[in-house]
Structure formats: structure tokens, C-alpha cells
């Protein structure tokens, strides 16, 4: 399997002092977000990191950990989907995609390895974590709707309009080579360079019939968007 880490982001919701580095280098308990996930990254022989904002700050990490760097020079005017498909020319096998601003348990690797079909881990313990991150009203505004049927992803993205979803998207998924290429072609066809990744996945479910089998993930998972997230996650790792 090929690993692609999406790490082009700036971290615009973090305080200004954190913007001297790419968001993925934000420190949690004296380790960057990327360093926290090194036990997972090291399970892959082939690794790509998509950089953008202040990419020069990642040179040492890239060299020390044998990543191939692909730069999104247009990171200011594009989104994660664009970053992802910049790696298309290197995709010769199944792909695992992860965001660069999350921390998670490396043991998820064994579940991703088992199958040749597309897989999406979803967190069923998400509400416990999010209650530590923000007020309940803000949770309803920030979280995304996720619908699952017969262990397959039915829809993802958009506002929660009714009952809270059982699962929350984590920023990790696996695509077989055929699906990756199909989605890459679809992205070029629709021409929406600012589309967010969950909206794009949802369009792929509906319009080109991509399927994802769901993995119920219950271990630790943290997403860093705000200073409160840094505080909450740092307490956990202490």
C-alpha cells in the first residue's frame, strides 16, 4: 500500500503564533502532529506527503522519514482534494490517505491492510471527544452528517439537520487503485478546485458510484483545528 499524507494546510483557525510552521508541525506535548503518527507512517514502505504552506519547514521531517514530497503550489486557492490528486502519477497500488492534522492509533493499519475494497474508519466515540473540544451548540454546527447502511457509507458531509450521527469522519480512508484513478478523473471533470474532501467523497458516492465499507473505530483520535484542541489533546498525552 501507498501512504499519502495531506499536509499543505496553514491552520487559519489557530492563534497567529502557530502560523510560523505548517499546521502539521503544531506541537502537542513536545511532539509535532506528524511525529505522533510516525509509528503508523513507518508501517508503509512507500510514502508521499503533500506540502504547501511553508513547505521548507518540512524538509528535515521528509528526509529523515523517507517521504516523497509533492508540492501543492496553489494551496492558497485550492483544497485537500486538489492536493490529493497531485499524487495521481505515483499511484500504482492501493492507497491510504490521512490528514496531517490528526493523531490516531497506529493499530488501525492492520484493519486497512486486510481488504482490497475501499475502507473508511469512522469514529463511534466521537461525541465524548468533541464535548471536550467545544460547547454542545458548536458541536452541532461543526460536526458533519454521516449516514451508514449495511456497513456501507451512504452519505457524508453537510450539516446535521436531525438526530446526531452515530459516527464521525476521521480524515483517514483507503482507496483501491481503480477507485483512486476513477475519482481523480472525476475531480478533473467537475472542475471544483475549492470543493472540500467530504463533499467530494459524497459526490463520488452518488455520481460515479464509489463504495466505502465502514470500519468502526473506537480508539483515540484527535483533530487539531483550534487552540482548545491543542489544550485538550495535550492533556490526553500527558
Foldseek 3Di string as FASTA:
>chain_A
DEEEEEFAAQLVQEPPVCRVDGLLQDDFQRGGLVRLCLVQLLVDPAYEYEYHRPCVVCVVVCVVNVYHYDYDPVPVPFESVVSVLSCLVVDPWKYKYAYSQKHFDSVCVVVQPPDLAKAFEWEQCVVVLVVQQDPPVVCQVPFWDWDDDPQKTDAIGDGDDDDDHSTGGARIIMHTSVLSVVLSVVCVVVVDRHDYDRVSVRCCCPPVNRMYGYDHDHGDMAGDNYPSSSVSSSVVVD
